[in-house]
Structure formats: structure tokens, C-alpha cells
């Protein structure tokens, strides 16, 4: 969907297509953040 909206925007200059593209980019970044495992805190280390 992101690729389509970018191609459509680049061909037409339609602002709504660009806004859809940006929305998809933000959702992709948010999803990547959720998929990351939390890093261990120093107090969580096993010695």
C-alpha cells in the first residue's frame, strides 16, 4: 500500500496520496518499535 500511494503521489501530485504514504510510514515505524524486545536493565543481569 505504501509503494502504491507513493507512486500515485509521484505521478499525480495528489496530496491525499502523500498523506496516506506518510501515515503508512509512521505505522511501519511504530510496528518495528513494538516488535523489538526490551533491553535488559543492568540490575537484570545474571552473574
PDB file of N, CA and C in Angstrom:
ATOM      1  N   UNK A   1       0.831  -1.184   0.000  1.00  0.00           N
ATOM      2  CA  UNK A   1       0.000   0.000   0.000  1.00  0.00           C
ATOM      3  C   UNK A   1       0.879   1.252   0.000  1.00  0.00           C
ATOM      4  N   UNK A   2       1.967   1.178   0.745  1.00  0.00           N
ATOM      5  CA  UNK A   2       2.868   2.323   0.822  1.00  0.00           C
ATOM      6  C   UNK A   2       3.478   2.617  -0.540  1.00  0.00           C
ATOM      7  N   UNK A   3       3.928   1.580  -1.241  1.00  0.00           N
ATOM      8  CA  UNK A   3       4.528   1.782  -2.559  1.00  0.00           C
ATOM      9  C   UNK A   3       3.518   2.352  -3.546  1.00  0.00           C
ATOM     10  N   UNK A   4       2.294   1.829  -3.490  1.00  0.00           N
ATOM     11  CA  UNK A   4       1.255   2.319  -4.390  1.00  0.00           C
ATOM     12  C   UNK A   4       0.959   3.792  -4.142  1.00  0.00           C
ATOM     13  N   UNK A   5       0.807   4.154  -2.869  1.00  0.00           N
ATOM     14  CA  UNK A   5       0.469   5.547  -2.571  1.00  0.00           C
ATOM     15  C   UNK A   5       1.606   6.482  -2.990  1.00  0.00           C
ATOM     16  N   UNK A   6       2.864   6.035  -2.850  1.00  0.00           N
ATOM     17  CA  UNK A   6       3.979   6.890  -3.273  1.00  0.00           C
ATOM     18  C   UNK A   6       4.002   7.040  -4.790  1.00  0.00           C
ATOM     19  N   UNK A   7       3.806   5.919  -5.506  1.00  0.00           N
ATOM     20  CA  UNK A   7       3.804   6.004  -6.967  1.00  0.00           C
ATOM     21  C   UNK A   7       2.651   6.890  -7.448  1.00  0.00           C
ATOM     22  N   UNK A   8       1.493   6.727  -6.843  1.00  0.00           N
ATOM     23  CA  UNK A   8       0.340   7.540  -7.228  1.00  0.00           C
ATOM     24  C   UNK A   8       0.622   9.016  -6.959  1.00  0.00           C
ATOM     25  N   UNK A   9       1.201   9.315  -5.803  1.00  0.00           N
ATOM     26  CA  UNK A   9       1.549  10.701  -5.480  1.00  0.00           C
ATOM     27  C   UNK A   9       2.572  11.256  -6.473  1.00  0.00           C
ATOM     28  N   UNK A  10       3.610  10.477  -6.758  1.00  0.00           N
ATOM     29  CA  UNK A  10       4.655  10.982  -7.646  1.00  0.00           C
ATOM     30  C   UNK A  10       4.139  11.213  -9.061  1.00  0.00           C
ATOM     31  N   UNK A  11       3.129  10.448  -9.479  1.00  0.00           N
ATOM     32  CA  UNK A  11       2.579  10.623 -10.820  1.00  0.00           C
ATOM     33  C   UNK A  11       1.543  11.742 -10.882  1.00  0.00           C
ATOM     34  N   UNK A  12       0.797  11.954  -9.791  1.00  0.00           N
ATOM     35  CA  UNK A  12      -0.324  12.890  -9.839  1.00  0.00           C
ATOM     36  C   UNK A  12      -0.116  14.139  -9.008  1.00  0.00           C
ATOM     37  N   UNK A  13       0.714  14.047  -7.967  1.00  0.00           N
ATOM     38  CA  UNK A  13       0.880  15.178  -7.059  1.00  0.00           C
ATOM     39  C   UNK A  13      -0.281  15.300  -6.080  1.00  0.00           C
ATOM     40  N   UNK A  14      -1.089  14.247  -5.971  1.00  0.00           N
ATOM     41  CA  UNK A  14      -2.249  14.255  -5.081  1.00  0.00           C
ATOM     42  C   UNK A  14      -1.800  14.267  -3.618  1.00  0.00           C
ATOM     43  N   UNK A  15      -2.201  15.302  -2.894  1.00  0.00           N
ATOM     44  CA  UNK A  15      -1.780  15.474  -1.503  1.00  0.00           C
ATOM     45  C   UNK A  15      -2.327  14.353  -0.626  1.00  0.00           C
ATOM     46  N   UNK A  16      -3.528  13.888  -0.883  1.00  0.00           N
ATOM     47  CA  UNK A  16      -4.106  12.799  -0.083  1.00  0.00           C
ATOM     48  C   UNK A  16      -3.278  11.518  -0.212  1.00  0.00           C
ATOM     49  N   UNK A  17      -2.752  11.261  -1.390  1.00  0.00           N
ATOM     50  CA  UNK A  17      -1.901  10.087  -1.577  1.00  0.00           C
ATOM     51  C   UNK A  17      -0.627  10.226  -0.763  1.00  0.00           C
ATOM     52  N   UNK A  18      -0.070  11.438  -0.703  1.00  0.00           N
ATOM     53  CA  UNK A  18       1.132  11.666   0.096  1.00  0.00           C
ATOM     54  C   UNK A  18       0.836  11.478   1.580  1.00  0.00           C
ATOM     55  N   UNK A  19      -0.304  11.992   2.033  1.00  0.00           N
ATOM     56  CA  UNK A  19      -0.667  11.833   3.441  1.00  0.00           C
ATOM     57  C   UNK A  19      -0.872  10.367   3.790  1.00  0.00           C
ATOM     58  N   UNK A  20      -1.445   9.605   2.885  1.00  0.00           N
ATOM     59  CA  UNK A  20      -1.601   8.162   3.105  1.00  0.00           C
ATOM     60  C   UNK A  20      -0.230   7.497   3.190  1.00  0.00           C
ATOM     61  N   UNK A  21       0.675   7.901   2.311  1.00  0.00           N
ATOM     62  CA  UNK A  21       2.036   7.364   2.332  1.00  0.00           C
ATOM     63  C   UNK A  21       2.704   7.641   3.674  1.00  0.00           C
ATOM     64  N   UNK A  22       2.610   8.881   4.151  1.00  0.00           N
ATOM     65  CA  UNK A  22       3.219   9.240   5.432  1.00  0.00           C
ATOM     66  C   UNK A  22       2.597   8.456   6.582  1.00  0.00           C
ATOM     67  N   UNK A  23       1.292   8.273   6.548  1.00  0.00           N
ATOM     68  CA  UNK A  23       0.613   7.510   7.592  1.00  0.00           C
ATOM     69  C   UNK A  23       1.114   6.066   7.622  1.00  0.00           C
ATOM     70  N   UNK A  24       1.304   5.478   6.443  1.00  0.00           N
ATOM     71  CA  UNK A  24       1.813   4.114   6.372  1.00  0.00           C
ATOM     72  C   UNK A  24       3.247   4.040   6.898  1.00  0.00           C
ATOM     73  N   UNK A  25       4.044   5.058   6.614  1.00  0.00           N
ATOM     74  CA  UNK A  25       5.428   5.084   7.118  1.00  0.00           C
ATOM     75  C   UNK A  25       5.437   5.123   8.643  1.00  0.00           C
ATOM     76  N   UNK A  26       4.586   5.942   9.227  1.00  0.00           N
ATOM     77  CA  UNK A  26       4.528   6.058  10.684  1.00  0.00           C
ATOM     78  C   UNK A  26       4.088   4.742  11.303  1.00  0.00           C
ATOM     79  N   UNK A  27       3.100   4.090  10.702  1.00  0.00           N
ATOM     80  CA  UNK A  27       2.632   2.802  11.228  1.00  0.00           C
ATOM     81  C   UNK A  27       3.721   1.748  11.142  1.00  0.00           C
ATOM     82  N   UNK A  28       4.499   1.764  10.061  1.00  0.00           N
ATOM     83  CA  UNK A  28       5.598   0.804   9.929  1.00  0.00           C
ATOM     84  C   UNK A  28       6.645   1.015  11.015  1.00  0.00           C
ATOM     85  N   UNK A  29       6.980   2.246  11.300  1.00  0.00           N
ATOM     86  CA  UNK A  29       7.964   2.550  12.339  1.00  0.00           C
ATOM     87  C   UNK A  29       7.418   2.140  13.705  1.00  0.00           C
ATOM     88  N   UNK A  30       6.150   2.435  13.971  1.00  0.00           N
ATOM     89  CA  UNK A  30       5.541   2.047  15.245  1.00  0.00           C
ATOM     90  C   UNK A  30       5.535   0.535  15.404  1.00  0.00           C
ATOM     91  N   UNK A  31       5.271  -0.183  14.325  1.00  0.00           N
ATOM     92  CA  UNK A  31       5.244  -1.640  14.395  1.00  0.00           C
ATOM     93  C   UNK A  31       6.644  -2.181  14.663  1.00  0.00           C
ATOM     94  N   UNK A  32       7.661  -1.585  14.069  1.00  0.00           N
ATOM     95  CA  UNK A  32       9.034  -2.020  14.332  1.00  0.00           C
ATOM     96  C   UNK A  32       9.388  -1.808  15.797  1.00  0.00           C
ATOM     97  N   UNK A  33       8.966  -0.693  16.367  1.00  0.00           N
ATOM     98  CA  UNK A  33       9.242  -0.408  17.766  1.00  0.00           C
ATOM     99  C   UNK A  33       8.574  -1.441  18.668  1.00  0.00           C
ATOM    100  N   UNK A  34       7.369  -1.870  18.335  1.00  0.00           N
ATOM    101  CA  UNK A  34       6.655  -2.853  19.150  1.00  0.00           C
ATOM    102  C   UNK A  34       7.285  -4.228  19.041  1.00  0.00           C
ATOM    103  N   UNK A  35       7.875  -4.536  17.885  1.00  0.00           N
ATOM    104  CA  UNK A  35       8.465  -5.854  17.667  1.00  0.00           C
ATOM    105  C   UNK A  35       9.797  -6.033  18.383  1.00  0.00           C
ATOM    106  N   UNK A  36      10.452  -4.940  18.743  1.00  0.00           N
ATOM    107  CA  UNK A  36      11.740  -5.039  19.423  1.00  0.00           C
ATOM    108  C   UNK A  36      11.550  -5.542  20.841  1.00  0.00           C
ATOM    109  N   UNK A  37      12.460  -6.401  21.259  1.00  0.00           N
ATOM    110  CA  UNK A  37      12.417  -6.879  22.628  1.00  0.00           C
ATOM    111  C   UNK A  37      13.045  -5.815  23.527  1.00  0.00           C
ATOM    112  N   UNK A  38      12.504  -5.656  24.729  1.00  0.00           N
ATOM    113  CA  UNK A  38      13.093  -4.662  25.628  1.00  0.00           C
ATOM    114  C   UNK A  38      14.517  -5.072  26.021  1.00  0.00           C
ATOM    115  N   UNK A  39      15.375  -4.080  26.128  1.00  0.00           N
ATOM    116  CA  UNK A  39      16.749  -4.354  26.519  1.00  0.00           C
ATOM    117  C   UNK A  39      16.806  -4.637  28.014  1.00  0.00           C
ATOM    118  N   UNK A  40      17.738  -5.474  28.409  1.00  0.00           N
ATOM    119  CA  UNK A  40      17.892  -5.820  29.822  1.00  0.00           C
ATOM    120  C   UNK A  40      18.464  -4.630  30.585  1.00  0.00           C
ATOM    121  N   UNK A  41      17.947  -4.418  31.743  1.00  0.00           N
ATOM    122  CA  UNK A  41      18.475  -3.381  32.633  1.00  0.00           C
ATOM    123  C   UNK A  41      19.696  -3.949  33.354  1.00  0.00           C
ATOM    124  N   UNK A  42      20.634  -3.111  33.771  1.00  0.00           N
ATOM    125  CA  UNK A  42      21.832  -3.622  34.464  1.00  0.00           C
ATOM    126  C   UNK A  42      21.490  -4.483  35.681  1.00  0.00           C
ATOM    127  N   UNK A  43      20.422  -4.180  36.382  1.00  0.00           N
ATOM    128  CA  UNK A  43      20.037  -4.975  37.543  1.00  0.00           C
ATOM    129  C   UNK A  43      19.486  -6.339  37.170  1.00  0.00           C
ATOM    130  N   UNK A  44      19.157  -6.545  35.893  1.00  0.00           N
ATOM    131  CA  UNK A  44      18.596  -7.822  35.441  1.00  0.00           C
ATOM    132  C   UNK A  44      19.671  -8.816  35.028  1.00  0.00           C
ATOM    133  N   UNK A  45      20.916  -8.385  35.002  1.00  0.00           N
ATOM    134  CA  UNK A  45      21.980  -9.258  34.546  1.00  0.00           C
ATOM    135  C   UNK A  45      22.212 -10.391  35.537  1.00  0.00           C
ATOM    136  N   UNK A  46      22.437 -11.555  34.999  1.00  0.00           N
ATOM    137  CA  UNK A  46      22.748 -12.722  35.826  1.00  0.00           C
ATOM    138  C   UNK A  46      24.257 -12.876  35.849  1.00  0.00           C
ATOM    139  N   UNK A  47      24.805 -13.045  37.047  1.00  0.00           N
ATOM    140  CA  UNK A  47      26.256 -13.193  37.162  1.00  0.00           C
ATOM    141  C   UNK A  47      26.607 -14.571  37.627  1.00  0.00           C
TER     142      UNK A  47
END
